[in-house]
Structures are given as C-alpha cells and as structure tokens.
Amino acid sequence: MLCKEATVLWMQGSYKWESSTVSSLARSNGVLLQRLNSRDPPQAEEDILAEGSVCTTAALLLDKGVLGGFYERYIHTRAHENWRVLEFVEGFSDDLLGALRSTLDGESGMQVEDCIGVGSMYESWRVSKPLVCDLIIPFAPPEPYRFSFQLWRGPVNGVPSGRQASGRILLDSAIENKTSCLCRMANPGEDMLCLLHGPHTMAKVNILENLLCSKGTPYLAKEQVIKWFQIAITKAWGQISHKYEFELTFRNLRSPGALKVRFRSGKTIIFNLAPVIRFEDSDAYFVSQFTSNVNDSSDTCWPLSFAVYEKRLLKYLAKRLPENSCHIRCLQIVCFLHKKQTGLTGKTSLSVYHLKSALLHLLLDKRPLDWSSNHLENRACDILEFILKSLRKKELRHALIGNSRVPKEIGIPPSFIAAEPINLFRPLALQKHLYTEMEKHFREMVRNAAVLIQLYSPHLPGGNAPQFRSTDLNHGCHL
C-alpha cells in the first residue's frame, strides 16, 4: 500500500517526521482506506475505471487549509527560483543564437528567427525540479527556396492515428513550377536533363536536400534536421565558449537541443532549444518531437505544435479570472501528484500535456468566478474528474483544434477551429498495453493523492496529521 511506500519516500528526502506524526498519518490512511472500501465493492482490475465507480481519495476531500498549506510549503516557495533560471537561459540563448546565425551564414545560409519561450516555465506552472526551459527556434531555407506543407488534419481519409495534426515538409524552390518540372522526382542516379534548372541551381538544392531531407526525396527528415542542428549548435558554442566559465553538453542525442550547462561549482542548468518550422503564416510550428505522439516510425512525419497559442490562451483567460485565481495552482498540484506517482510506479504515457489540456478545457467551460482562490480543492478535483471521464471514453480532445469555444483573440487560423477535433488518446488507445498502464497509473495516482499531499504538507503542532472530511455528492469530487 502507499502509506508504507510513501513514508519510505519521505524519509529518504531532506525532511524527517517525528514517529508520532508518521503513526498518525498511518492511522489516518487506514481510516481513509476503510471508508473507500465501504463505499466501493471489490472490482476487477480492468473494471476499476468503469462508469459509476469511485476510485479516488478525492471523494473524501482534504480540508481546504491542508491543501493550501501544502501548496504554500511545497510549491509556492519554489516559484522565486524560476525567474533566475529564465534570466540566465534567455541571456545565454540569445548569445548562442547570434553565434549560430554567423555559423549558418557561412555554410548553408539557413535563416533562424529569435527564440520563443513555450511550455510550463513560460506559462508559470513549472514546479518540479529540475527547472527546464523550453525554447523553440524557427528556421527557414535561404531564398529563393521555401518550405511547403502537406498537412494531415485529422482521422479521416485513411490518415494513420499517430499522424493527426501532423504533416510532411517539402523543400521547395519559389521560382520553379512544380506542375511542369519533374526533375526532382526522378529516381536517384537517373540521367535526366532539366531545361528549367541549371547545374548550379540543382547543386545548391542538392546540398540542402542532403543536409535536411530523407535520402532520395525532397521531404525534411527529423533525424537529418536533428543532426544538422546539433552540429550547428556545437560550432556556434565553439565561437563563444571562451567567454564563459562553464561547460555546455548535449543531454540526449535523440533530442535536437537538449542542453546542459555545468558550472565549476557543480551546479547545472538544463534547457531545450528546438528547431521548428513555422506553418505558413501562423504561430503553429512543426516540431521533431511531441508528447502525444506514440511510436510514429515515419521520419518525414512532423507533429504540429500549438504551444504558442496555448500560452497565449492561458494569458488571455488569466486576465478575465478573479485576482489570485486558483487555475495555475490546480495544475501544479495535479502535476505534482503525477510526478510523485511516476516515482513510485514508473513512467507512463499519461503526460503533463494531457493534464494541461484538461485545464484548458475547464477554463473554457467554467465561469471566471469558479476559479476564485476559495475553489482550489473543487477545481483540482475537476481536473482529475475530467481526466477520468476522458480515460473511460478513450477520448481527450485537443483543447484548440476543432474547438469553437476558443476566443478569436487568440488568433488561431479559422481552418483549425473548423477542423475535425483531434483525440490525444487515440494513438494510445490503439496500443492496449500502453493504455492499460496509463489507466493504472492514474488510478493509483488519485488513490494516493490525499496521502501524498499530507506527506508534503507543513507539520502540524502536537504531532497530529491533518484529518480528512467527508463530502456529499453535491460538494465532493466523485470520480
């Protein structure tokens, strides 16, 4: 059971509880389990998420003060660290980007735009260590070349499930007429004389294709782009490394810009610089890796990320919520539970992106006043309940694609709003073992939620662990 495992986990940390507190926690957890058992008849393992089942400790909510105390102690007190990490990463990335431009000008001529910060650090909900900044770097080929796109918008017309909201990227020439020239479609090694493109033009195209594209095709390959970007970053660092007193290394060669800075003191800062390709004139970008993709073996299939729009939506909605609203705290608490459960039972296909997607749906559904600070525990339970219902239905829709409730002010192209909704769970549901493990992880996560929150809550005077209170159907969170 969790109580034993979690107590060991806690004792291995930097804090220690008195034996009376641990004993009180164990008694409290025992009472909780008795209540759960009395409410829920034994069920088969695979039926635990069936409609109408109550599988969570959230049905017996923690007192509001306990949840608030946990947040202040474990999450809020770390927020001041974020800005220092952001300041360093952004300053260093700008310097590295300047050197990268200089390197590319003398070689391929690739054009790179300024870095764009996305993800949890830039949306102010990152809490777990290490603090990782995610930055994307849009790039484009030199003139007169361009990228054109073959986009798969949804699960129609035989589109593979793992390729929803993705596409292929074609390295193209803006001056060529694709309908009248077939020279680039010839088989490798075939002797073809092209009257539209001279030897110099085709030589430059071939250089770019060899650098970025899948062999024998004009389509960008993720592995080729990753290799090109890592070599370019290494050369750029070589130009400016004398200015810094730290080491810069790649953390993961499978990820294009997973970088780690190590200072002489031994302290490290990690961040991600990802090369991306802007889709037409939008703020959607093709990326080499995305959390919702599962075992997509095609090297020329690029997922489409809406991270910039998601950041913009959170900022837009936050301005309309009450002062000191609880939406970010809710997401942080749920992500904390997810990480701790991962530490107990191992990795899972359920990602923080799924949790954030649930929050975005709820923000669009509920009234602004529902997110006032005194609704913290109810809204946190709403996120858990939303995920649970999505797991039962095997459907978690993308928060932006095909969602007519997204405000026009966010600027998403109308074609994406009108598109077929994307089911983020569909690729997982087609792989039964992955989906079963994800369901099991979530079930255990919510069952363990109350105990984990108590473990990381401030120690109360008198050695007594905070107690649970029952809630009725109208005010509780029944999952």
Protein backbone atom coordinates (compact mmCIF):
# COMPACT_ATOMS: atom_id res chain seq x y z
CA MET A 1 0.00 0.00 0.00
CA LEU A 2 1.02 3.59 -0.48
CA CYS A 3 1.40 4.52 3.18
CA LYS A 4 4.48 2.31 3.62
CA GLU A 5 5.99 3.28 0.25
CA ALA A 6 5.30 6.97 0.68
CA THR A 7 6.70 7.02 4.21
CA VAL A 8 9.92 5.47 2.91
CA LEU A 9 9.98 8.01 0.09
CA TRP A 10 9.52 10.84 2.57
CA MET A 11 12.19 9.56 4.96
CA GLN A 12 14.65 9.41 2.07
CA GLY A 13 14.10 13.10 1.43
CA SER A 14 15.51 16.14 3.16
CA TYR A 15 12.82 16.26 5.87
CA LYS A 16 12.04 13.83 8.68
CA TRP A 17 8.82 13.47 10.62
CA GLU A 18 8.52 12.52 14.25
CA SER A 19 7.40 8.94 14.83
CA SER A 20 4.12 10.15 16.35
CA THR A 21 3.34 12.08 13.16
CA VAL A 22 4.06 9.10 10.93
CA SER A 23 1.91 6.87 13.15
CA SER A 24 -0.91 9.38 12.99
CA LEU A 25 -0.60 9.52 9.21
CA ALA A 26 -0.75 5.73 9.03
CA ARG A 27 -3.90 5.67 11.18
CA SER A 28 -5.44 8.41 9.04
CA ASN A 29 -4.65 6.48 5.86
CA GLY A 30 -6.14 3.34 7.39
CA VAL A 31 -9.38 5.16 8.15
CA LEU A 32 -9.40 6.50 4.60
CA LEU A 33 -8.95 3.05 3.08
CA GLN A 34 -11.72 1.65 5.29
CA ARG A 35 -14.04 4.39 4.06
CA LEU A 36 -13.12 3.74 0.47
CA ASN A 37 -13.65 0.01 0.90
CA SER A 38 -17.02 0.59 2.49
CA ARG A 39 -18.08 2.77 -0.43
CA ASP A 40 -16.69 0.58 -3.18
CA PRO A 41 -17.34 -3.13 -3.56
CA PRO A 42 -14.34 -5.12 -4.85
CA GLN A 43 -13.91 -4.73 -8.59
CA ALA A 44 -11.87 -6.47 -11.21
CA GLU A 45 -8.66 -4.63 -12.04
CA GLU A 46 -9.72 -3.84 -15.58
CA ASP A 47 -13.12 -2.51 -14.46
CA ILE A 48 -11.84 -0.02 -11.92
CA LEU A 49 -12.48 2.92 -14.26
CA ALA A 50 -15.94 1.74 -15.26
CA GLU A 51 -18.72 4.30 -15.27
CA GLY A 52 -20.03 4.94 -11.79
CA SER A 53 -17.00 3.59 -9.92
CA VAL A 54 -15.46 5.67 -7.16
CA CYS A 55 -11.73 5.05 -7.29
CA THR A 56 -10.23 8.10 -5.67
CA THR A 57 -9.37 9.58 -2.35
CA ALA A 58 -10.77 12.81 -3.74
CA ALA A 59 -14.22 11.55 -2.76
CA LEU A 60 -13.01 12.35 0.78
CA LEU A 61 -11.53 15.77 0.23
CA LEU A 62 -8.67 17.16 2.21
CA ASP A 63 -9.54 20.20 4.22
CA LYS A 64 -9.04 23.41 2.25
CA GLY A 65 -6.45 24.57 4.75
CA VAL A 66 -4.41 21.40 4.31
CA LEU A 67 -4.35 21.76 0.52
CA GLY A 68 -3.48 25.44 0.80
CA GLY A 69 -0.74 24.69 3.31
CA PHE A 70 0.70 22.03 1.04
CA TYR A 71 0.79 24.48 -1.85
CA GLU A 72 2.47 27.22 0.15
CA ARG A 73 5.06 24.85 1.62
CA TYR A 74 6.00 22.71 -1.34
CA ILE A 75 5.11 24.66 -4.50
CA HIS A 76 4.81 28.40 -3.96
CA THR A 77 8.07 28.74 -2.04
CA ARG A 78 9.97 27.47 -5.10
CA ALA A 79 8.49 29.99 -7.53
CA HIS A 80 11.18 32.60 -6.84
CA GLU A 81 13.80 30.29 -8.35
CA ASN A 82 12.15 30.33 -11.77
CA TRP A 83 12.96 33.88 -12.80
CA ARG A 84 16.69 33.42 -12.12
CA VAL A 85 16.82 30.32 -14.32
CA LEU A 86 14.79 32.07 -17.05
CA GLU A 87 17.05 35.13 -16.96
CA PHE A 88 20.19 33.06 -17.41
CA VAL A 89 18.79 30.77 -20.11
CA GLU A 90 17.35 33.61 -22.19
CA GLY A 91 20.54 35.67 -22.00
CA PHE A 92 22.77 32.75 -22.90
CA SER A 93 20.43 31.54 -25.66
CA ASP A 94 20.46 34.96 -27.31
CA ASP A 95 24.26 34.91 -27.35
CA LEU A 96 24.32 31.35 -28.70
CA LEU A 97 21.74 32.28 -31.34
CA GLY A 98 23.93 35.15 -32.55
CA ALA A 99 26.84 32.76 -33.00
CA LEU A 100 24.53 30.25 -34.70
CA ARG A 101 23.46 32.84 -37.28
CA SER A 102 27.09 33.63 -38.00
CA THR A 103 27.85 29.92 -38.46
CA LEU A 104 24.91 29.32 -40.79
CA ASP A 105 25.62 32.40 -42.92
CA GLY A 106 28.97 30.97 -43.88
CA GLU A 107 27.61 27.49 -44.66
CA SER A 108 24.05 26.58 -45.61
CA GLY A 109 22.60 30.07 -45.46
CA MET A 110 19.69 28.85 -43.32
CA GLN A 111 17.70 31.64 -41.71
CA VAL A 112 16.82 31.49 -38.00
CA GLU A 113 14.36 33.67 -36.12
CA ASP A 114 14.51 34.73 -32.47
CA CYS A 115 13.89 32.19 -29.72
CA ILE A 116 10.33 31.79 -28.43
CA GLY A 117 9.74 30.52 -24.89
CA VAL A 118 6.96 27.96 -24.50
CA GLY A 119 5.78 25.38 -22.00
CA SER A 120 5.50 25.24 -18.24
CA MET A 121 8.24 27.70 -17.30
CA TYR A 122 6.78 30.36 -19.57
CA GLU A 123 3.21 29.60 -18.50
CA SER A 124 4.21 29.86 -14.82
CA TRP A 125 3.18 26.38 -13.70
CA ARG A 126 6.50 24.54 -13.62
CA VAL A 127 7.21 23.34 -10.08
CA SER A 128 9.21 20.11 -10.16
CA LYS A 129 12.96 20.08 -10.38
CA PRO A 130 14.98 20.30 -12.45
CA LEU A 131 13.59 23.58 -13.81
CA VAL A 132 13.69 23.13 -17.59
CA CYS A 133 13.17 26.00 -20.02
CA ASP A 134 11.78 25.12 -23.45
CA LEU A 135 12.61 27.45 -26.31
CA ILE A 136 11.84 26.98 -29.98
CA ILE A 137 13.88 28.43 -32.84
CA PRO A 138 12.02 28.81 -36.16
CA PHE A 139 14.24 28.30 -39.19
CA ALA A 140 13.76 28.59 -42.93
CA PRO A 141 15.88 27.92 -46.06
CA PRO A 142 17.63 30.76 -47.89
CA GLU A 143 15.89 32.46 -50.79
CA PRO A 144 14.68 31.52 -53.33
CA TYR A 145 13.87 28.28 -51.50
CA ARG A 146 10.99 27.68 -49.17
CA PHE A 147 9.13 25.02 -47.24
CA SER A 148 5.73 23.86 -48.42
CA PHE A 149 3.44 21.55 -46.47
CA GLN A 150 1.26 18.50 -46.87
CA LEU A 151 -0.90 18.61 -43.77
CA TRP A 152 -2.87 15.75 -42.22
CA ARG A 153 -5.62 17.41 -40.22
CA GLY A 154 -7.48 14.54 -38.61
CA PRO A 155 -8.51 10.87 -38.55
CA VAL A 156 -10.07 10.92 -41.99
CA ASN A 157 -9.21 9.62 -45.44
CA GLY A 158 -7.07 6.83 -44.04
CA VAL A 159 -4.75 9.09 -42.03
CA PRO A 160 -2.81 6.92 -39.52
CA SER A 161 -3.87 7.54 -35.94
CA GLY A 162 -0.45 8.69 -34.82
CA ARG A 163 -0.32 11.36 -37.52
CA GLN A 164 -3.26 13.51 -36.56
CA ALA A 165 -2.32 17.21 -36.68
CA SER A 166 0.94 16.50 -38.44
CA GLY A 167 2.33 16.58 -41.93
CA ARG A 168 5.24 16.41 -44.34
CA ILE A 169 7.52 19.33 -45.18
CA LEU A 170 8.77 19.75 -48.74
CA LEU A 171 11.95 21.68 -49.53
CA ASP A 172 10.81 23.71 -52.49
CA SER A 173 12.01 26.44 -54.82
CA ALA A 174 9.83 29.52 -55.07
CA ILE A 175 10.80 30.02 -58.71
CA GLU A 176 10.08 26.55 -60.01
CA ASN A 177 6.81 25.36 -61.47
CA LYS A 178 6.18 22.03 -59.76
CA THR A 179 3.46 21.07 -62.23
CA SER A 180 5.75 21.32 -65.24
CA CYS A 181 9.06 20.08 -63.86
CA LEU A 182 9.66 16.51 -62.76
CA CYS A 183 13.44 16.59 -62.43
CA ARG A 184 13.40 16.43 -58.62
CA MET A 185 11.07 13.46 -58.69
CA ALA A 186 13.42 11.36 -60.79
CA ASN A 187 14.88 8.24 -59.27
CA PRO A 188 18.30 8.63 -57.63
CA GLY A 189 21.08 8.17 -60.22
CA GLU A 190 18.70 8.55 -63.18
CA ASP A 191 20.20 10.62 -66.01
CA MET A 192 17.71 13.42 -66.66
CA LEU A 193 18.36 16.76 -68.39
CA CYS A 194 16.31 19.61 -66.90
CA LEU A 195 15.81 22.68 -69.08
CA LEU A 196 14.35 24.75 -66.21
CA HIS A 197 17.15 24.30 -63.67
CA GLY A 198 20.79 24.72 -64.48
CA PRO A 199 23.59 22.74 -62.83
CA HIS A 200 24.31 25.49 -60.24
CA THR A 201 20.69 25.71 -59.10
CA MET A 202 20.31 21.98 -58.76
CA ALA A 203 23.66 21.69 -56.96
CA LYS A 204 22.50 24.10 -54.27
CA VAL A 205 19.19 22.29 -53.94
CA ASN A 206 21.06 19.00 -53.60
CA ILE A 207 23.24 20.44 -50.81
CA LEU A 208 20.17 21.47 -48.82
CA GLU A 209 18.42 18.17 -49.52
CA ASN A 210 21.45 16.17 -48.38
CA LEU A 211 21.60 18.31 -45.27
CA LEU A 212 17.94 18.17 -44.23
CA CYS A 213 15.94 15.67 -46.27
CA SER A 214 15.23 11.97 -46.30
CA LYS A 215 17.55 10.22 -48.75
CA GLY A 216 16.39 10.49 -52.34
CA THR A 217 13.39 12.71 -51.51
CA PRO A 218 12.72 16.45 -51.08
CA TYR A 219 10.95 15.83 -47.72
CA LEU A 220 12.54 17.00 -44.49
CA ALA A 221 13.63 14.16 -42.20
CA LYS A 222 13.59 14.65 -38.44
CA GLU A 223 16.83 12.74 -37.91
CA GLN A 224 18.63 14.80 -40.54
CA VAL A 225 17.40 18.08 -39.07
CA ILE A 226 18.42 16.99 -35.55
CA LYS A 227 21.90 16.07 -36.79
CA TRP A 228 22.26 19.35 -38.68
CA PHE A 229 21.09 21.41 -35.71
CA GLN A 230 23.36 19.69 -33.20
CA ILE A 231 26.41 20.22 -35.44
CA ALA A 232 25.46 23.87 -35.92
CA ILE A 233 25.00 24.40 -32.16
CA THR A 234 28.36 22.76 -31.47
CA LYS A 235 30.09 25.10 -33.93
CA ALA A 236 28.27 28.13 -32.51
CA TRP A 237 29.35 27.21 -28.97
CA GLY A 238 32.92 26.90 -30.22
CA GLN A 239 32.78 30.57 -31.25
CA ILE A 240 31.72 31.90 -27.84
CA SER A 241 32.88 29.30 -25.31
CA HIS A 242 35.91 31.41 -24.35
CA LYS A 243 33.55 33.99 -22.85
CA TYR A 244 32.06 31.60 -20.30
CA GLU A 245 33.36 29.64 -17.35
CA PHE A 246 31.13 26.60 -17.71
CA GLU A 247 30.70 23.51 -19.86
CA LEU A 248 27.91 23.04 -22.40
CA THR A 249 26.91 19.48 -23.39
CA PHE A 250 24.04 17.65 -25.05
CA ARG A 251 21.92 15.67 -22.57
CA ASN A 252 20.23 13.50 -25.18
CA LEU A 253 21.44 12.99 -28.73
CA ARG A 254 17.94 11.92 -29.81
CA SER A 255 16.62 15.36 -28.92
CA PRO A 256 17.85 18.22 -31.14
CA GLY A 257 18.80 20.80 -28.50
CA ALA A 258 18.61 19.15 -25.07
CA LEU A 259 21.43 21.12 -23.46
CA LYS A 260 23.07 21.14 -20.04
CA VAL A 261 25.23 23.85 -18.54
CA ARG A 262 27.61 22.72 -15.80
CA PHE A 263 29.32 25.37 -13.69
CA ARG A 264 32.60 24.86 -11.88
CA SER A 265 30.69 24.68 -8.62
CA GLY A 266 28.94 21.56 -9.91
CA LYS A 267 25.59 23.29 -10.27
CA THR A 268 23.75 22.54 -13.51
CA ILE A 269 21.05 24.23 -15.57
CA ILE A 270 19.24 22.34 -18.29
CA PHE A 271 17.17 23.71 -21.15
CA ASN A 272 15.87 22.75 -24.57
CA LEU A 273 16.49 24.59 -27.82
CA ALA A 274 14.33 23.02 -30.50
CA PRO A 275 14.49 23.84 -34.22
CA VAL A 276 10.96 24.26 -35.58
CA ILE A 277 9.31 25.20 -38.86
CA ARG A 278 6.52 27.75 -38.97
CA PHE A 279 3.35 26.52 -40.66
CA GLU A 280 2.55 29.11 -43.32
CA ASP A 281 1.85 32.50 -41.65
CA SER A 282 0.55 31.08 -38.39
CA ASP A 283 2.07 30.62 -34.95
CA ALA A 284 1.74 26.84 -35.23
CA TYR A 285 5.07 25.05 -35.67
CA PHE A 286 6.23 21.68 -36.91
CA VAL A 287 8.44 20.06 -34.27
CA SER A 288 10.59 16.95 -34.29
CA GLN A 289 9.15 15.60 -31.03
CA PHE A 290 5.82 15.93 -29.30
CA THR A 291 4.49 14.35 -26.11
CA SER A 292 1.28 12.98 -27.60
CA ASN A 293 3.00 11.09 -30.40
CA VAL A 294 3.47 7.37 -29.82
CA ASN A 295 5.83 5.20 -31.87
CA ASP A 296 5.45 7.12 -35.11
CA SER A 297 8.18 5.50 -37.16
CA SER A 298 7.97 7.86 -40.13
CA ASP A 299 11.00 10.12 -40.22
CA THR A 300 9.22 12.56 -42.53
CA CYS A 301 6.07 12.92 -40.39
CA TRP A 302 6.30 16.13 -38.34
CA PRO A 303 3.89 16.82 -35.45
CA LEU A 304 2.28 20.25 -35.36
CA SER A 305 2.62 22.14 -32.07
CA PHE A 306 0.21 24.82 -30.87
CA ALA A 307 2.32 25.72 -27.82
CA VAL A 308 2.46 29.42 -28.69
CA TYR A 309 -1.34 29.58 -28.97
CA GLU A 310 -1.73 27.65 -25.72
CA LYS A 311 0.50 30.12 -23.89
CA ARG A 312 -1.48 32.98 -25.42
CA LEU A 313 -4.79 31.39 -24.40
CA LEU A 314 -3.69 30.94 -20.78
CA LYS A 315 -2.58 34.57 -20.63
CA TYR A 316 -5.83 35.77 -22.23
CA LEU A 317 -8.04 33.78 -19.85
CA ALA A 318 -6.00 34.72 -16.78
CA LYS A 319 -6.82 38.40 -17.35
CA ARG A 320 -10.53 37.54 -17.04
CA LEU A 321 -10.24 35.46 -13.88
CA PRO A 322 -10.53 36.81 -10.32
CA GLU A 323 -7.42 38.16 -8.65
CA ASN A 324 -5.33 35.36 -7.12
CA SER A 325 -7.24 32.77 -9.15
CA CYS A 326 -6.53 29.11 -8.48
CA HIS A 327 -6.18 27.71 -12.02
CA ILE A 328 -2.38 27.58 -12.08
CA ARG A 329 -2.25 26.17 -8.54
CA CYS A 330 -4.67 23.41 -9.53
CA LEU A 331 -2.49 22.36 -12.45
CA GLN A 332 0.64 22.49 -10.31
CA ILE A 333 -0.91 20.27 -7.65
CA VAL A 334 -2.11 17.68 -10.16
CA CYS A 335 1.30 17.68 -11.91
CA PHE A 336 2.97 17.20 -8.54
CA LEU A 337 0.80 14.13 -7.87
CA HIS A 338 1.59 12.80 -11.35
CA LYS A 339 5.34 13.15 -10.82
CA LYS A 340 5.28 11.53 -7.38
CA GLN A 341 3.22 8.61 -8.70
CA THR A 342 5.69 8.20 -11.56
CA GLY A 343 8.43 7.95 -8.96
CA LEU A 344 6.52 5.18 -7.19
CA THR A 345 5.34 3.06 -10.11
CA GLY A 346 7.41 4.11 -13.14
CA LYS A 347 6.90 6.05 -16.35
CA THR A 348 3.57 6.21 -18.11
CA SER A 349 2.09 7.53 -21.34
CA LEU A 350 -0.04 9.97 -19.35
CA SER A 351 1.79 13.28 -19.71
CA VAL A 352 1.62 16.73 -18.18
CA TYR A 353 0.40 17.89 -21.59
CA HIS A 354 -2.71 15.77 -21.08
CA LEU A 355 -3.21 17.40 -17.68
CA LYS A 356 -2.76 20.88 -19.12
CA SER A 357 -5.23 20.07 -21.90
CA ALA A 358 -7.81 19.16 -19.25
CA LEU A 359 -7.25 22.51 -17.53
CA LEU A 360 -7.68 24.41 -20.80
CA HIS A 361 -10.99 22.67 -21.47
CA LEU A 362 -12.24 23.51 -17.98
CA LEU A 363 -11.11 27.14 -18.26
CA LEU A 364 -13.15 27.46 -21.45
CA ASP A 365 -16.17 25.70 -19.89
CA LYS A 366 -16.50 27.31 -16.48
CA ARG A 367 -17.35 30.82 -15.35
CA PRO A 368 -14.42 33.05 -14.32
CA LEU A 369 -15.76 33.25 -10.75
CA ASP A 370 -15.49 29.47 -10.44
CA TRP A 371 -11.72 29.90 -10.36
CA SER A 372 -11.52 32.14 -7.31
CA SER A 373 -8.97 31.10 -4.69
CA ASN A 374 -11.57 29.57 -2.34
CA HIS A 375 -12.43 26.96 -5.00
CA LEU A 376 -8.94 25.44 -5.11
CA GLU A 377 -9.88 21.96 -3.93
CA ASN A 378 -13.00 21.73 -6.10
CA ARG A 379 -11.22 22.79 -9.28
CA ALA A 380 -8.29 20.45 -8.61
CA CYS A 381 -10.80 17.63 -8.33
CA ASP A 382 -12.45 18.81 -11.54
CA ILE A 383 -9.19 18.26 -13.42
CA LEU A 384 -8.91 14.73 -12.02
CA GLU A 385 -12.54 14.01 -12.87
CA PHE A 386 -12.09 15.36 -16.40
CA ILE A 387 -9.12 13.06 -17.00
CA LEU A 388 -11.01 10.11 -15.53
CA LYS A 389 -14.01 10.62 -17.81
CA SER A 390 -11.67 11.02 -20.77
CA LEU A 391 -9.95 7.73 -19.90
CA ARG A 392 -13.30 5.96 -19.70
CA LYS A 393 -14.33 7.29 -23.11
CA LYS A 394 -10.81 6.81 -24.51
CA GLU A 395 -11.06 10.35 -25.79
CA LEU A 396 -9.24 13.52 -24.76
CA ARG A 397 -9.78 16.20 -27.34
CA HIS A 398 -7.11 18.71 -28.25
CA ALA A 399 -8.02 21.94 -26.46
CA LEU A 400 -7.66 24.13 -29.56
CA ILE A 401 -8.15 22.14 -32.78
CA GLY A 402 -11.81 21.85 -33.71
CA ASN A 403 -12.89 23.80 -30.62
CA SER A 404 -15.29 26.63 -31.46
CA ARG A 405 -15.10 27.98 -27.88
CA VAL A 406 -11.53 29.23 -28.36
CA PRO A 407 -11.68 33.06 -28.40
CA LYS A 408 -10.94 34.73 -31.72
CA GLU A 409 -8.46 36.99 -29.95
CA ILE A 410 -6.05 34.06 -29.69
CA GLY A 411 -5.54 34.27 -33.46
CA ILE A 412 -5.77 30.59 -34.39
CA PRO A 413 -6.44 30.23 -38.13
CA PRO A 414 -10.15 29.54 -38.77
CA SER A 415 -9.24 26.37 -40.66
CA PHE A 416 -8.01 24.79 -37.42
CA ILE A 417 -11.07 25.89 -35.46
CA ALA A 418 -13.29 24.31 -38.13
CA ALA A 419 -11.18 21.17 -38.40
CA GLU A 420 -12.12 17.73 -37.13
CA PRO A 421 -11.32 17.52 -33.37
CA ILE A 422 -8.13 15.65 -32.53
CA ASN A 423 -8.27 12.85 -29.94
CA LEU A 424 -4.99 12.91 -27.98
CA PHE A 425 -5.75 9.47 -26.51
CA ARG A 426 -6.43 7.75 -29.85
CA PRO A 427 -2.85 6.59 -30.59
CA LEU A 428 -2.59 5.27 -27.02
CA ALA A 429 -5.97 3.55 -27.06
CA LEU A 430 -4.90 1.57 -30.13
CA GLN A 431 -1.99 0.16 -28.11
CA LYS A 432 -3.82 -1.67 -25.36
CA HIS A 433 -0.84 -2.30 -23.08
CA LEU A 434 0.09 1.39 -23.08
CA TYR A 435 -3.46 2.45 -22.37
CA THR A 436 -3.91 -0.10 -19.60
CA GLU A 437 -0.72 1.10 -17.90
CA MET A 438 -1.88 4.70 -18.23
CA GLU A 439 -5.22 3.87 -16.62
CA LYS A 440 -3.47 2.02 -13.81
CA HIS A 441 -1.11 4.93 -13.21
CA PHE A 442 -3.97 7.39 -12.99
CA ARG A 443 -6.00 5.16 -10.69
CA GLU A 444 -3.08 4.81 -8.30
CA MET A 445 -2.25 8.50 -8.55
CA VAL A 446 -5.68 9.59 -7.41
CA ARG A 447 -5.94 6.91 -4.75
CA ASN A 448 -2.65 8.11 -3.32
CA ALA A 449 -3.36 11.83 -3.72
CA ALA A 450 -4.50 12.64 -0.19
CA VAL A 451 -1.65 10.79 1.49
CA LEU A 452 0.99 12.36 -0.75
CA ILE A 453 -0.38 15.83 -0.06
CA GLN A 454 -0.25 15.14 3.68
CA LEU A 455 3.33 13.89 3.44
CA TYR A 456 4.44 17.14 1.85
CA SER A 457 2.23 19.45 3.94
CA PRO A 458 3.60 21.52 6.84
CA HIS A 459 3.96 19.62 10.10
CA LEU A 460 1.11 20.50 12.45
CA PRO A 461 1.65 21.18 16.15
CA GLY A 462 1.06 18.30 18.53
CA GLY A 463 2.21 15.59 16.15
CA ASN A 464 -1.25 15.11 14.61
CA ALA A 465 -1.60 14.56 10.92
CA PRO A 466 -4.30 16.61 9.17
CA GLN A 467 -7.58 14.75 9.01
CA PHE A 468 -9.97 14.10 6.15
CA ARG A 469 -13.52 15.37 6.00
CA SER A 470 -16.38 13.69 4.20
CA THR A 471 -18.24 15.49 1.45
CA ASP A 472 -21.62 14.87 -0.03
CA LEU A 473 -22.39 14.23 -3.68
CA ASN A 474 -23.13 17.88 -4.43
CA HIS A 475 -19.95 19.30 -2.94
CA GLY A 476 -17.44 16.47 -3.26
CA CYS A 477 -15.33 15.30 -6.12
CA HIS A 478 -16.70 11.87 -7.02
CA LEU A 479 -14.68 10.25 -9.75
